[in-house]
Amino acid sequence: MALFKKRTAGKPGEWYYCLEHKKVEEGPECPAKNRFGPYASPEEAAHAMETARERNLEWDTDPRWHERAADADGDGDGEGTGTGTATP
């Protein structure tokens, strides 16, 4: 018995943007790794790349993200340039 069923046809009203073919598709015609979605309309799917650029810009300019990334090195100085290891 299969744990997951492979979905071969999409539901009506599900729209995707195929990254490989650079086109809007109704239902998942291409593999998930090659698409953005689902979107509620073909117009939303057509703007998928623009939406992705806007979201990436929001992440790139979000000061909360940079504070966490800078402190992720573990040395507590917030600089983000250390190795994260303590020196005696």
Protein backbone atom coordinates (compact mmCIF):
# COMPACT_ATOMS: atom_id res chain seq x y z
CA MET A 1 0.00 0.00 0.00
CA ALA A 2 1.41 3.37 -1.00
CA LEU A 3 1.71 5.99 1.72
CA PHE A 4 1.33 8.86 -0.68
CA LYS A 5 -0.72 8.99 -3.82
CA LYS A 6 0.84 10.68 -6.81
CA ARG A 7 -1.45 13.41 -7.96
CA THR A 8 -1.73 13.22 -11.70
CA ALA A 9 -4.39 15.87 -12.24
CA GLY A 10 -4.90 19.19 -10.57
CA LYS A 11 -8.03 20.53 -9.01
CA PRO A 12 -10.00 23.05 -11.04
CA GLY A 13 -9.03 26.54 -9.98
CA GLU A 14 -5.45 25.67 -9.00
CA TRP A 15 -2.97 27.62 -11.06
CA TYR A 16 0.80 27.19 -11.16
CA TYR A 17 3.74 28.89 -12.82
CA CYS A 18 6.10 26.39 -14.45
CA LEU A 19 9.72 27.48 -14.06
CA GLU A 20 10.92 25.12 -16.78
CA HIS A 21 8.43 26.08 -19.48
CA LYS A 22 7.94 29.68 -18.29
CA LYS A 23 4.16 29.43 -18.52
CA VAL A 24 1.00 29.35 -16.43
CA GLU A 25 -0.60 25.91 -16.02
CA GLU A 26 -3.92 24.85 -14.54
CA GLY A 27 -3.27 21.99 -12.17
CA PRO A 28 0.16 20.51 -11.54
CA GLU A 29 1.29 19.50 -15.02
CA CYS A 30 5.00 19.61 -14.19
CA PRO A 31 6.91 18.24 -11.18
CA ALA A 32 6.73 20.27 -7.95
CA LYS A 33 10.43 21.14 -8.16
CA ASN A 34 9.70 23.07 -11.37
CA ARG A 35 6.73 25.15 -10.29
CA PHE A 36 5.42 27.89 -8.01
CA GLY A 37 1.89 27.69 -6.67
CA PRO A 38 -0.90 27.00 -6.30
CA TYR A 39 -2.40 30.40 -7.03
CA ALA A 40 -6.08 31.34 -7.02
CA SER A 41 -6.07 32.76 -10.55
CA PRO A 42 -4.03 32.59 -13.75
CA GLU A 43 -3.18 36.28 -13.31
CA GLU A 44 -1.58 35.61 -9.91
CA ALA A 45 0.35 32.68 -11.38
CA ALA A 46 1.54 34.85 -14.27
CA HIS A 47 3.13 37.22 -11.73
CA ALA A 48 4.82 34.44 -9.75
CA MET A 49 8.37 35.54 -10.59
CA GLU A 50 7.59 39.15 -9.67
CA THR A 51 6.04 37.99 -6.39
CA ALA A 52 9.13 35.89 -5.65
CA ARG A 53 11.45 38.86 -6.36
CA GLU A 54 9.40 41.07 -4.03
CA ARG A 55 9.47 38.47 -1.25
CA ASN A 56 13.21 37.95 -1.66
CA LEU A 57 13.76 41.70 -1.42
CA GLU A 58 11.66 41.81 1.75
CA TRP A 59 13.81 39.07 3.29
CA ASP A 60 17.04 40.70 2.12
CA THR A 61 16.09 44.02 3.71
CA ASP A 62 14.42 42.68 6.89
CA PRO A 63 16.57 43.85 9.82
CA ARG A 64 15.21 41.06 12.04
CA TRP A 65 16.63 38.47 9.64
CA HIS A 66 20.04 40.13 9.58
CA GLU A 67 20.17 40.36 13.38
CA ARG A 68 19.60 36.61 13.65
CA ALA A 69 22.05 35.80 10.86
CA ALA A 70 24.73 38.04 12.34
CA ASP A 71 24.36 36.43 15.75
CA ALA A 72 24.23 32.88 14.33
CA ASP A 73 28.00 32.56 14.51
CA GLY A 74 27.58 31.95 18.23
CA ASP A 75 30.19 34.32 19.59
CA GLY A 76 27.52 36.73 20.85
CA ASP A 77 29.07 39.86 19.36
CA GLY A 78 26.43 40.17 16.63
CA GLU A 79 29.12 40.66 14.02
CA GLY A 80 28.61 37.38 12.20
CA THR A 81 32.29 37.03 11.34
CA GLY A 82 33.51 34.74 14.10
CA THR A 83 33.93 31.01 13.97
CA GLY A 84 31.60 30.35 16.86
CA THR A 85 34.35 28.75 18.93
CA ALA A 86 35.66 30.18 22.16
CA THR A 87 39.35 30.97 22.47
CA PRO A 88 40.99 30.53 25.86
